[in-house]
Amino acid sequence: MNIILVSERLAKAKTITLGVPQLALLGLAMAVTLVALAAGVHYVTLRVAADLNLPYLQSLLLSAQQQQHEKTESYLRENLNAMAVRLGQMQAQLVRLDTLGERLAKLAGFKPQDLMFGEPPGRGGAVSTLPSHDLSLGDFTQQLDLLTRQVDDRGDKLGILESLFTLDSAKKKLIPTMLPVEGGWYSSNYGWRIDPFNGQRAFHEGIDFMAEQGTPIRAAAGGVVVYSAPHPQYGNMIEIDHGNDLITRYAHASKLLVKVGDVVLRGGKIAEVGSTGRATGTHLHFEVRQRGGPVNPVRFLRLPS
């Protein structure tokens, strides 16, 4: 584009040539000027509307403010709803942790009330000299996410710990640590003794409990009944397999209350004291056999139940 300038002051006409770059800069300058004028008019209009209370402009201003207020409320409501859902999830997780804690306390021998589950922990300390500040919504969300992950992690670890405690407790219930008769006392210990029938020195493979006829005989540990029948020397006899090559034997019973294949629990009644078989009187002959051989039952009965 060529622009020719003609003036009386000029000896001759001047020609100005505008290329594409110059036209682009000129267009940009005009656009910026128009935007600035529009912004100025808008600002002046709003100021005039505020000062002169023009109804139409006031309504436009109130409408814009109302729309902005509604957007802000909608944003806050959505965030509050999301945080309420997260809070509900964390409350459920805390209830689960409290339940796990109570079960673990019982398995470990503590009383749940001694550990004060369900009560907020005591916290305190001196006021810090560093300046404090309010949490922003972003900071709060970040802390909430971190706390959620930590609660999930603690819950998983407590679950594993409970499984280990439960397994250990189950193993203990399969070890014969419970007296097979209540109030009974030893009339013959494990080991070498004088046989009461022939007067010869003989090895006694169990211990004898003195008890009255019909006294309940209870399983010293949980297991499966593998023998329940009369025996030529032991009389009415029961054997219970507790796993790990561990078997308990109960002899001279007057009555058998379980049969082969029955699963018995620790402390369950399995028979009644009698004097059947090779016996000088009513008593219970109790044996513990490990890997097919007899072991001293006292070693197990002295273990913590």
C-alpha atoms as a PDB file:
ATOM      1  CA  MET A   1       0.000   0.000   0.000  1.00  0.00           C
ATOM      2  CA  ASN A   2       1.291   3.469  -0.933  1.00  0.00           C
ATOM      3  CA  ILE A   3       0.184   6.656   0.875  1.00  0.00           C
ATOM      4  CA  ILE A   4       0.908   9.984  -0.918  1.00  0.00           C
ATOM      5  CA  LEU A   5       1.175  13.110   1.250  1.00  0.00           C
ATOM      6  CA  VAL A   6       0.571  16.478  -0.499  1.00  0.00           C
ATOM      7  CA  SER A   7       1.059  19.791   1.367  1.00  0.00           C
ATOM      8  CA  GLU A   8       1.801  23.455   0.601  1.00  0.00           C
ATOM      9  CA  ARG A   9       4.767  23.269   2.928  1.00  0.00           C
ATOM     10  CA  LEU A  10       6.282  20.417   1.017  1.00  0.00           C
ATOM     11  CA  ALA A  11       8.230  21.170  -2.135  1.00  0.00           C
ATOM     12  CA  LYS A  12       7.057  17.893  -3.559  1.00  0.00           C
ATOM     13  CA  ALA A  13       4.690  15.091  -2.601  1.00  0.00           C
ATOM     14  CA  LYS A  14       5.901  12.350  -0.247  1.00  0.00           C
ATOM     15  CA  THR A  15       5.087   8.729  -0.673  1.00  0.00           C
ATOM     16  CA  ILE A  16       4.850   6.298   2.284  1.00  0.00           C
ATOM     17  CA  THR A  17       4.894   2.620   1.467  1.00  0.00           C
ATOM     18  CA  LEU A  18       3.159   0.226   3.967  1.00  0.00           C
ATOM     19  CA  GLY A  19       4.019  -3.433   3.717  1.00  0.00           C
ATOM     20  CA  VAL A  20       2.427  -6.456   5.441  1.00  0.00           C
ATOM     21  CA  PRO A  21       4.332  -5.996   8.764  1.00  0.00           C
ATOM     22  CA  GLN A  22       3.330  -2.345   9.001  1.00  0.00           C
ATOM     23  CA  LEU A  23      -0.316  -3.185   8.282  1.00  0.00           C
ATOM     24  CA  ALA A  24      -0.288  -5.935  10.928  1.00  0.00           C
ATOM     25  CA  LEU A  25       1.118  -3.560  13.557  1.00  0.00           C
ATOM     26  CA  LEU A  26      -1.465  -0.938  12.611  1.00  0.00           C
ATOM     27  CA  GLY A  27      -4.299  -3.468  12.937  1.00  0.00           C
ATOM     28  CA  LEU A  28      -2.999  -4.672  16.313  1.00  0.00           C
ATOM     29  CA  ALA A  29      -2.760  -1.103  17.589  1.00  0.00           C
ATOM     30  CA  MET A  30      -6.355  -0.436  16.532  1.00  0.00           C
ATOM     31  CA  ALA A  31      -7.570  -3.627  18.213  1.00  0.00           C
ATOM     32  CA  VAL A  32      -5.786  -2.785  21.473  1.00  0.00           C
ATOM     33  CA  THR A  33      -7.265   0.709  21.335  1.00  0.00           C
ATOM     34  CA  LEU A  34     -10.786  -0.666  20.846  1.00  0.00           C
ATOM     35  CA  VAL A  35     -10.392  -3.141  23.751  1.00  0.00           C
ATOM     36  CA  ALA A  36      -9.075  -0.379  26.005  1.00  0.00           C
ATOM     37  CA  LEU A  37     -11.966   1.906  25.036  1.00  0.00           C
ATOM     38  CA  ALA A  38     -14.483  -0.902  25.672  1.00  0.00           C
ATOM     39  CA  ALA A  39     -12.967  -1.658  29.079  1.00  0.00           C
ATOM     40  CA  GLY A  40     -12.990   2.025  29.958  1.00  0.00           C
ATOM     41  CA  VAL A  41     -16.603   2.415  28.885  1.00  0.00           C
ATOM     42  CA  HIS A  42     -17.562  -0.693  30.858  1.00  0.00           C
ATOM     43  CA  TYR A  43     -15.754   0.540  33.960  1.00  0.00           C
ATOM     44  CA  VAL A  44     -17.224   4.032  33.683  1.00  0.00           C
ATOM     45  CA  THR A  45     -20.666   2.548  33.075  1.00  0.00           C
ATOM     46  CA  LEU A  46     -20.436   0.391  36.211  1.00  0.00           C
ATOM     47  CA  ARG A  47     -19.178   3.323  38.272  1.00  0.00           C
ATOM     48  CA  VAL A  48     -21.971   5.513  36.943  1.00  0.00           C
ATOM     49  CA  ALA A  49     -24.480   2.724  37.640  1.00  0.00           C
ATOM     50  CA  ALA A  50     -23.217   2.455  41.187  1.00  0.00           C
ATOM     51  CA  ASP A  51     -23.266   6.240  41.714  1.00  0.00           C
ATOM     52  CA  LEU A  52     -26.495   7.127  39.867  1.00  0.00           C
ATOM     53  CA  ASN A  53     -28.473   3.947  40.787  1.00  0.00           C
ATOM     54  CA  LEU A  54     -29.695   3.427  37.230  1.00  0.00           C
ATOM     55  CA  PRO A  55     -32.232   0.538  37.408  1.00  0.00           C
ATOM     56  CA  TYR A  56     -31.212  -1.232  34.212  1.00  0.00           C
ATOM     57  CA  LEU A  57     -27.495  -1.089  34.898  1.00  0.00           C
ATOM     58  CA  GLN A  58     -28.086  -2.018  38.533  1.00  0.00           C
ATOM     59  CA  SER A  59     -30.022  -5.094  37.444  1.00  0.00           C
ATOM     60  CA  LEU A  60     -27.199  -6.120  35.118  1.00  0.00           C
ATOM     61  CA  LEU A  61     -24.666  -5.660  37.917  1.00  0.00           C
ATOM     62  CA  LEU A  62     -26.761  -7.640  40.410  1.00  0.00           C
ATOM     63  CA  SER A  63     -27.297 -10.388  37.846  1.00  0.00           C
ATOM     64  CA  ALA A  64     -23.565 -10.710  37.264  1.00  0.00           C
ATOM     65  CA  GLN A  65     -22.876 -10.767  41.002  1.00  0.00           C
ATOM     66  CA  GLN A  66     -25.625 -13.366  41.539  1.00  0.00           C
ATOM     67  CA  GLN A  67     -24.182 -15.618  38.828  1.00  0.00           C
ATOM     68  CA  GLN A  68     -20.706 -15.357  40.342  1.00  0.00           C
ATOM     69  CA  HIS A  69     -22.122 -16.100  43.813  1.00  0.00           C
ATOM     70  CA  GLU A  70     -23.972 -19.150  42.518  1.00  0.00           C
ATOM     71  CA  LYS A  71     -20.821 -20.456  40.819  1.00  0.00           C
ATOM     72  CA  THR A  72     -18.868 -20.010  44.047  1.00  0.00           C
ATOM     73  CA  GLU A  73     -21.564 -21.762  46.097  1.00  0.00           C
ATOM     74  CA  SER A  74     -21.752 -24.623  43.593  1.00  0.00           C
ATOM     75  CA  TYR A  75     -17.968 -25.071  43.734  1.00  0.00           C
ATOM     76  CA  LEU A  76     -17.945 -25.052  47.527  1.00  0.00           C
ATOM     77  CA  ARG A  77     -20.926 -27.441  47.699  1.00  0.00           C
ATOM     78  CA  GLU A  78     -19.227 -29.934  45.367  1.00  0.00           C
ATOM     79  CA  ASN A  79     -16.029 -29.822  47.413  1.00  0.00           C
ATOM     80  CA  LEU A  80     -17.927 -30.161  50.688  1.00  0.00           C
ATOM     81  CA  ASN A  81     -19.846 -33.161  49.341  1.00  0.00           C
ATOM     82  CA  ALA A  82     -16.601 -34.788  48.220  1.00  0.00           C
ATOM     83  CA  MET A  83     -14.993 -34.145  51.612  1.00  0.00           C
ATOM     84  CA  ALA A  84     -18.106 -35.471  53.380  1.00  0.00           C
ATOM     85  CA  VAL A  85     -17.788 -38.732  51.420  1.00  0.00           C
ATOM     86  CA  ARG A  86     -14.107 -38.971  52.347  1.00  0.00           C
ATOM     87  CA  LEU A  87     -14.939 -38.219  55.972  1.00  0.00           C
ATOM     88  CA  GLY A  88     -17.532 -41.002  56.006  1.00  0.00           C
ATOM     89  CA  GLN A  89     -14.975 -43.421  54.568  1.00  0.00           C
ATOM     90  CA  MET A  90     -12.424 -42.469  57.198  1.00  0.00           C
ATOM     91  CA  GLN A  91     -14.991 -42.864  59.989  1.00  0.00           C
ATOM     92  CA  ALA A  92     -15.752 -46.373  58.727  1.00  0.00           C
ATOM     93  CA  GLN A  93     -12.029 -47.144  58.587  1.00  0.00           C
ATOM     94  CA  LEU A  94     -11.557 -45.884  62.150  1.00  0.00           C
ATOM     95  CA  VAL A  95     -14.390 -48.125  63.376  1.00  0.00           C
ATOM     96  CA  ARG A  96     -12.650 -51.040  61.647  1.00  0.00           C
ATOM     97  CA  LEU A  97      -9.343 -50.117  63.293  1.00  0.00           C
ATOM     98  CA  ASP A  98     -11.014 -49.868  66.717  1.00  0.00           C
ATOM     99  CA  THR A  99     -12.547 -53.311  66.229  1.00  0.00           C
ATOM    100  CA  LEU A 100      -9.215 -54.746  65.137  1.00  0.00           C
ATOM    101  CA  GLY A 101      -7.512 -53.100  68.100  1.00  0.00           C
ATOM    102  CA  GLU A 102      -9.983 -54.591  70.566  1.00  0.00           C
ATOM    103  CA  ARG A 103      -9.552 -58.079  69.086  1.00  0.00           C
ATOM    104  CA  LEU A 104      -5.773 -57.754  69.163  1.00  0.00           C
ATOM    105  CA  ALA A 105      -5.906 -56.532  72.771  1.00  0.00           C
ATOM    106  CA  LYS A 106      -7.886 -59.624  73.765  1.00  0.00           C
ATOM    107  CA  LEU A 107      -5.527 -61.941  71.874  1.00  0.00           C
ATOM    108  CA  ALA A 108      -2.525 -60.272  73.536  1.00  0.00           C
ATOM    109  CA  GLY A 109      -4.093 -60.516  76.997  1.00  0.00           C
ATOM    110  CA  PHE A 110      -4.987 -56.853  77.435  1.00  0.00           C
ATOM    111  CA  LYS A 111      -8.349 -55.445  78.374  1.00  0.00           C
ATOM    112  CA  PRO A 112      -9.698 -53.192  75.581  1.00  0.00           C
ATOM    113  CA  GLN A 113     -10.815 -50.579  78.137  1.00  0.00           C
ATOM    114  CA  ASP A 114      -7.227 -50.296  79.389  1.00  0.00           C
ATOM    115  CA  LEU A 115      -6.149 -49.065  75.952  1.00  0.00           C
ATOM    116  CA  MET A 116      -9.060 -46.566  75.764  1.00  0.00           C
ATOM    117  CA  PHE A 117     -10.241 -47.363  72.239  1.00  0.00           C
ATOM    118  CA  GLY A 118     -12.724 -44.830  70.905  1.00  0.00           C
ATOM    119  CA  GLU A 119     -11.322 -41.930  72.939  1.00  0.00           C
ATOM    120  CA  PRO A 120      -9.253 -39.172  71.322  1.00  0.00           C
ATOM    121  CA  PRO A 121      -5.587 -39.310  72.328  1.00  0.00           C
ATOM    122  CA  GLY A 122      -4.261 -36.572  74.575  1.00  0.00           C
ATOM    123  CA  ARG A 123      -2.237 -33.950  72.717  1.00  0.00           C
ATOM    124  CA  GLY A 124      -0.612 -30.699  73.733  1.00  0.00           C
ATOM    125  CA  GLY A 125       2.545 -28.606  73.822  1.00  0.00           C
ATOM    126  CA  ALA A 126       3.839 -25.069  73.985  1.00  0.00           C
ATOM    127  CA  VAL A 127       2.845 -22.421  71.467  1.00  0.00           C
ATOM    128  CA  SER A 128       5.349 -22.341  68.608  1.00  0.00           C
ATOM    129  CA  THR A 129       7.321 -19.169  67.949  1.00  0.00           C
ATOM    130  CA  LEU A 130       6.919 -19.723  64.206  1.00  0.00           C
ATOM    131  CA  PRO A 131       3.992 -17.912  62.599  1.00  0.00           C
ATOM    132  CA  SER A 132       0.865 -20.000  62.017  1.00  0.00           C
ATOM    133  CA  HIS A 133      -1.430 -19.800  58.993  1.00  0.00           C
ATOM    134  CA  ASP A 134      -4.768 -21.151  57.864  1.00  0.00           C
ATOM    135  CA  LEU A 135      -4.927 -24.216  55.637  1.00  0.00           C
ATOM    136  CA  SER A 136      -6.034 -23.641  52.090  1.00  0.00           C
ATOM    137  CA  LEU A 137      -8.518 -25.977  50.426  1.00  0.00           C
ATOM    138  CA  GLY A 138      -5.671 -27.553  48.473  1.00  0.00           C
ATOM    139  CA  ASP A 139      -3.581 -28.085  51.623  1.00  0.00           C
ATOM    140  CA  PHE A 140      -6.569 -29.589  53.426  1.00  0.00           C
ATOM    141  CA  THR A 141      -7.302 -31.999  50.541  1.00  0.00           C
ATOM    142  CA  GLN A 142      -3.645 -33.034  50.405  1.00  0.00           C
ATOM    143  CA  GLN A 143      -3.545 -33.719  54.152  1.00  0.00           C
ATOM    144  CA  LEU A 144      -6.806 -35.674  53.914  1.00  0.00           C
ATOM    145  CA  ASP A 145      -5.407 -37.840  51.098  1.00  0.00           C
ATOM    146  CA  LEU A 146      -2.241 -38.518  53.097  1.00  0.00           C
ATOM    147  CA  LEU A 147      -4.213 -39.419  56.219  1.00  0.00           C
ATOM    148  CA  THR A 148      -6.464 -41.757  54.219  1.00  0.00           C
ATOM    149  CA  ARG A 149      -3.457 -43.606  52.814  1.00  0.00           C
ATOM    150  CA  GLN A 150      -1.920 -43.891  56.289  1.00  0.00           C
ATOM    151  CA  VAL A 151      -5.150 -45.261  57.786  1.00  0.00           C
ATOM    152  CA  ASP A 152      -5.399 -47.833  54.970  1.00  0.00           C
ATOM    153  CA  ASP A 153      -1.792 -48.872  55.547  1.00  0.00           C
ATOM    154  CA  ARG A 154      -2.253 -49.224  59.328  1.00  0.00           C
ATOM    155  CA  GLY A 155      -5.446 -51.214  58.774  1.00  0.00           C
ATOM    156  CA  ASP A 156      -3.661 -53.661  56.460  1.00  0.00           C
ATOM    157  CA  LYS A 157      -0.788 -54.116  58.919  1.00  0.00           C
ATOM    158  CA  LEU A 158      -3.145 -54.640  61.853  1.00  0.00           C
ATOM    159  CA  GLY A 159      -5.052 -57.201  59.776  1.00  0.00           C
ATOM    160  CA  ILE A 160      -1.835 -59.148  59.165  1.00  0.00           C
ATOM    161  CA  LEU A 161      -0.972 -58.929  62.868  1.00  0.00           C
ATOM    162  CA  GLU A 162      -4.416 -60.217  63.813  1.00  0.00           C
ATOM    163  CA  SER A 163      -3.990 -63.168  61.444  1.00  0.00           C
ATOM    164  CA  LEU A 164      -0.657 -64.037  63.078  1.00  0.00           C
ATOM    165  CA  PHE A 165      -2.174 -63.751  66.562  1.00  0.00           C
ATOM    166  CA  THR A 166      -5.141 -65.897  65.534  1.00  0.00           C
ATOM    167  CA  LEU A 167      -2.847 -68.545  64.029  1.00  0.00           C
ATOM    168  CA  ASP A 168      -0.703 -68.574  67.168  1.00  0.00           C
ATOM    169  CA  SER A 169      -3.806 -68.842  69.357  1.00  0.00           C
ATOM    170  CA  ALA A 170      -5.130 -71.711  67.226  1.00  0.00           C
ATOM    171  CA  LYS A 171      -1.810 -73.550  67.532  1.00  0.00           C
ATOM    172  CA  LYS A 172      -1.899 -73.169  71.315  1.00  0.00           C
ATOM    173  CA  LYS A 173      -5.374 -74.710  71.400  1.00  0.00           C
ATOM    174  CA  LEU A 174      -3.907 -77.808  69.720  1.00  0.00           C
ATOM    175  CA  ILE A 175      -1.285 -78.277  72.452  1.00  0.00           C
ATOM    176  CA  PRO A 176      -2.443 -80.383  75.472  1.00  0.00           C
ATOM    177  CA  THR A 177      -2.002 -77.840  78.253  1.00  0.00           C
ATOM    178  CA  MET A 178      -5.388 -78.341  79.969  1.00  0.00           C
ATOM    179  CA  LEU A 179      -5.909 -80.812  82.815  1.00  0.00           C
ATOM    180  CA  PRO A 180      -8.112 -83.662  81.579  1.00  0.00           C
ATOM    181  CA  VAL A 181      -9.989 -83.881  84.926  1.00  0.00           C
ATOM    182  CA  GLU A 182     -10.872 -81.097  87.338  1.00  0.00           C
ATOM    183  CA  GLY A 183      -9.547 -81.335  90.869  1.00  0.00           C
ATOM    184  CA  GLY A 184      -7.656 -84.559  90.192  1.00  0.00           C
ATOM    185  CA  TRP A 185      -4.289 -85.214  91.772  1.00  0.00           C
ATOM    186  CA  TYR A 186      -1.455 -87.444  90.636  1.00  0.00           C
ATOM    187  CA  SER A 187      -1.470 -90.959  92.060  1.00  0.00           C
ATOM    188  CA  SER A 188       1.369 -92.114  89.821  1.00  0.00           C
ATOM    189  CA  ASN A 189       3.882 -90.040  87.892  1.00  0.00           C
ATOM    190  CA  TYR A 190       5.554 -90.531  84.532  1.00  0.00           C
ATOM    191  CA  GLY A 191       8.690 -92.676  84.530  1.00  0.00           C
ATOM    192  CA  TRP A 192      10.057 -95.759  86.280  1.00  0.00           C
ATOM    193  CA  ARG A 193       7.993 -97.219  89.125  1.00  0.00           C
ATOM    194  CA  ILE A 194       7.060-100.478  90.842  1.00  0.00           C
ATOM    195  CA  ASP A 195       4.259-102.150  88.909  1.00  0.00           C
ATOM    196  CA  PRO A 196       1.228-102.440  91.282  1.00  0.00           C
ATOM    197  CA  PHE A 197       0.274-105.867  89.870  1.00  0.00           C
ATOM    198  CA  ASN A 198       3.527-107.822  89.747  1.00  0.00           C
ATOM    199  CA  GLY A 199       5.868-105.757  91.935  1.00  0.00           C
ATOM    200  CA  GLN A 200       8.482-105.481  89.203  1.00  0.00           C
ATOM    201  CA  ARG A 201      10.209-102.324  88.065  1.00  0.00           C
ATOM    202  CA  ALA A 202       8.380-100.994  84.987  1.00  0.00           C
ATOM    203  CA  PHE A 203       8.190 -97.783  82.993  1.00  0.00           C
ATOM    204  CA  HIS A 204       4.932 -95.833  83.389  1.00  0.00           C
ATOM    205  CA  GLU A 205       4.261 -93.992  80.104  1.00  0.00           C
ATOM    206  CA  GLY A 206       1.760 -91.479  81.497  1.00  0.00           C
ATOM    207  CA  ILE A 207       0.388 -89.989  84.696  1.00  0.00           C
ATOM    208  CA  ASP A 208      -2.594 -91.175  86.744  1.00  0.00           C
ATOM    209  CA  PHE A 209      -5.241 -88.786  88.083  1.00  0.00           C
ATOM    210  CA  MET A 210      -7.291 -89.895  91.064  1.00  0.00           C
ATOM    211  CA  ALA A 211     -10.968 -89.053  90.538  1.00  0.00           C
ATOM    212  CA  GLU A 212     -14.384 -90.407  91.458  1.00  0.00           C
ATOM    213  CA  GLN A 213     -16.361 -92.738  89.237  1.00  0.00           C
ATOM    214  CA  GLY A 214     -18.183 -90.800  86.501  1.00  0.00           C
ATOM    215  CA  THR A 215     -16.020 -87.656  86.759  1.00  0.00           C
ATOM    216  CA  PRO A 216     -15.967 -85.945  83.315  1.00  0.00           C
ATOM    217  CA  ILE A 217     -12.855 -86.498  81.235  1.00  0.00           C
ATOM    218  CA  ARG A 218     -12.110 -83.518  79.014  1.00  0.00           C
ATOM    219  CA  ALA A 219      -9.901 -83.109  75.949  1.00  0.00           C
ATOM    220  CA  ALA A 220      -6.597 -81.526  76.926  1.00  0.00           C
ATOM    221  CA  ALA A 221      -6.527 -79.847  73.497  1.00  0.00           C
ATOM    222  CA  GLY A 222      -8.543 -79.717  70.294  1.00  0.00           C
ATOM    223  CA  GLY A 223      -8.147 -82.459  67.712  1.00  0.00           C
ATOM    224  CA  VAL A 224      -9.648 -85.451  65.933  1.00  0.00           C
ATOM    225  CA  VAL A 225     -10.592 -88.721  67.661  1.00  0.00           C
ATOM    226  CA  VAL A 226      -8.540 -91.546  66.115  1.00  0.00           C
ATOM    227  CA  TYR A 227      -9.367 -94.310  68.630  1.00  0.00           C
ATOM    228  CA  SER A 228     -12.425 -94.888  70.808  1.00  0.00           C
ATOM    229  CA  ALA A 229     -12.915 -98.507  71.898  1.00  0.00           C
ATOM    230  CA  PRO A 230     -12.052-101.055  74.600  1.00  0.00           C
ATOM    231  CA  HIS A 231      -8.389-102.026  74.912  1.00  0.00           C
ATOM    232  CA  PRO A 232      -7.051-105.226  76.584  1.00  0.00           C
ATOM    233  CA  GLN A 233      -4.910-103.301  79.092  1.00  0.00           C
ATOM    234  CA  TYR A 234      -6.163 -99.699  78.959  1.00  0.00           C
ATOM    235  CA  GLY A 235      -9.837-100.626  79.154  1.00  0.00           C
ATOM    236  CA  ASN A 236     -12.150 -98.091  77.505  1.00  0.00           C
ATOM    237  CA  MET A 237      -9.648 -95.795  75.789  1.00  0.00           C
ATOM    238  CA  ILE A 238      -9.694 -92.695  73.617  1.00  0.00           C
ATOM    239  CA  GLU A 239      -6.886 -91.245  71.514  1.00  0.00           C
ATOM    240  CA  ILE A 240      -7.010 -87.730  70.041  1.00  0.00           C
ATOM    241  CA  ASP A 241      -4.723 -86.581  67.235  1.00  0.00           C
ATOM    242  CA  HIS A 242      -3.741 -82.894  67.629  1.00  0.00           C
ATOM    243  CA  GLY A 243      -1.537 -82.695  64.543  1.00  0.00           C
ATOM    244  CA  ASN A 244       2.239 -82.261  64.398  1.00  0.00           C
ATOM    245  CA  ASP A 245       2.619 -85.954  65.396  1.00  0.00           C
ATOM    246  CA  LEU A 246       1.054 -85.190  68.802  1.00  0.00           C
ATOM    247  CA  ILE A 247      -1.516 -87.594  70.340  1.00  0.00           C
ATOM    248  CA  THR A 248      -3.137 -87.721  73.789  1.00  0.00           C
ATOM    249  CA  ARG A 249      -4.448 -90.948  75.318  1.00  0.00           C
ATOM    250  CA  TYR A 250      -7.207 -91.278  77.957  1.00  0.00           C
ATOM    251  CA  ALA A 251      -7.575 -94.773  79.516  1.00  0.00           C
ATOM    252  CA  HIS A 252      -9.699 -96.828  81.979  1.00  0.00           C
ATOM    253  CA  ALA A 253     -12.866 -94.791  81.273  1.00  0.00           C
ATOM    254  CA  SER A 254     -16.258 -96.087  82.433  1.00  0.00           C
ATOM    255  CA  LYS A 255     -18.051 -94.537  79.465  1.00  0.00           C
ATOM    256  CA  LEU A 256     -16.920 -93.292  76.048  1.00  0.00           C
ATOM    257  CA  LEU A 257     -18.793 -90.260  74.685  1.00  0.00           C
ATOM    258  CA  VAL A 258     -17.070 -89.739  71.313  1.00  0.00           C
ATOM    259  CA  LYS A 259     -16.366 -91.937  68.308  1.00  0.00           C
ATOM    260  CA  VAL A 260     -13.604 -92.163  65.730  1.00  0.00           C
ATOM    261  CA  GLY A 261     -13.637 -89.228  63.344  1.00  0.00           C
ATOM    262  CA  ASP A 262     -15.256 -86.786  65.776  1.00  0.00           C
ATOM    263  CA  VAL A 263     -13.674 -83.338  66.043  1.00  0.00           C
ATOM    264  CA  VAL A 264     -13.351 -82.294  69.671  1.00  0.00           C
ATOM    265  CA  LEU A 265     -12.565 -78.884  71.112  1.00  0.00           C
ATOM    266  CA  ARG A 266     -10.241 -78.101  73.953  1.00  0.00           C
ATOM    267  CA  GLY A 267     -12.110 -78.775  77.202  1.00  0.00           C
ATOM    268  CA  GLY A 268     -14.869 -80.782  75.508  1.00  0.00           C
ATOM    269  CA  LYS A 269     -16.246 -83.761  77.482  1.00  0.00           C
ATOM    270  CA  ILE A 270     -15.133 -86.997  75.827  1.00  0.00           C
ATOM    271  CA  ALA A 271     -15.591 -89.704  78.501  1.00  0.00           C
ATOM    272  CA  GLU A 272     -16.134 -90.448  82.208  1.00  0.00           C
ATOM    273  CA  VAL A 273     -13.624 -91.756  84.768  1.00  0.00           C
ATOM    274  CA  GLY A 274     -13.783 -95.466  85.543  1.00  0.00           C
ATOM    275  CA  SER A 275     -11.640 -98.498  86.343  1.00  0.00           C
ATOM    276  CA  THR A 276     -11.867-100.635  83.208  1.00  0.00           C
ATOM    277  CA  GLY A 277      -8.892-102.601  81.948  1.00  0.00           C
ATOM    278  CA  ARG A 278      -5.728-103.146  83.970  1.00  0.00           C
ATOM    279  CA  ALA A 279      -6.478-100.850  86.933  1.00  0.00           C
ATOM    280  CA  THR A 280      -6.486-101.163  90.728  1.00  0.00           C
ATOM    281  CA  GLY A 281      -9.228 -98.539  91.149  1.00  0.00           C
ATOM    282  CA  THR A 282     -11.039 -95.626  89.555  1.00  0.00           C
ATOM    283  CA  HIS A 283      -8.639 -93.179  87.974  1.00  0.00           C
ATOM    284  CA  LEU A 284      -7.668 -91.633  84.640  1.00  0.00           C
ATOM    285  CA  HIS A 285      -4.477 -92.736  82.930  1.00  0.00           C
ATOM    286  CA  PHE A 286      -3.345 -89.832  80.724  1.00  0.00           C
ATOM    287  CA  GLU A 287      -0.567 -90.021  78.127  1.00  0.00           C
ATOM    288  CA  VAL A 288       0.999 -87.647  75.636  1.00  0.00           C
ATOM    289  CA  ARG A 289       2.693 -89.331  72.693  1.00  0.00           C
ATOM    290  CA  GLN A 290       4.856 -87.485  70.185  1.00  0.00           C
ATOM    291  CA  ARG A 291       6.126 -89.060  66.979  1.00  0.00           C
ATOM    292  CA  GLY A 292       4.902 -92.427  68.234  1.00  0.00           C
ATOM    293  CA  GLY A 293       6.731 -92.391  71.591  1.00  0.00           C
ATOM    294  CA  PRO A 294       5.633 -91.325  75.098  1.00  0.00           C
ATOM    295  CA  VAL A 295       6.686 -87.965  76.551  1.00  0.00           C
ATOM    296  CA  ASN A 296       6.129 -86.608  80.033  1.00  0.00           C
ATOM    297  CA  PRO A 297       2.643 -84.960  80.058  1.00  0.00           C
ATOM    298  CA  VAL A 298       3.776 -82.583  82.796  1.00  0.00           C
ATOM    299  CA  ARG A 299       5.977 -80.806  80.251  1.00  0.00           C
ATOM    300  CA  PHE A 300       2.817 -79.747  78.408  1.00  0.00           C
ATOM    301  CA  LEU A 301       0.504 -79.260  81.389  1.00  0.00           C
ATOM    302  CA  ARG A 302       2.923 -76.724  82.871  1.00  0.00           C
ATOM    303  CA  LEU A 303       2.840 -74.594  79.722  1.00  0.00           C
ATOM    304  CA  PRO A 304       0.682 -71.436  79.842  1.00  0.00           C
ATOM    305  CA  SER A 305      -2.825 -72.153  78.565  1.00  0.00           C
END
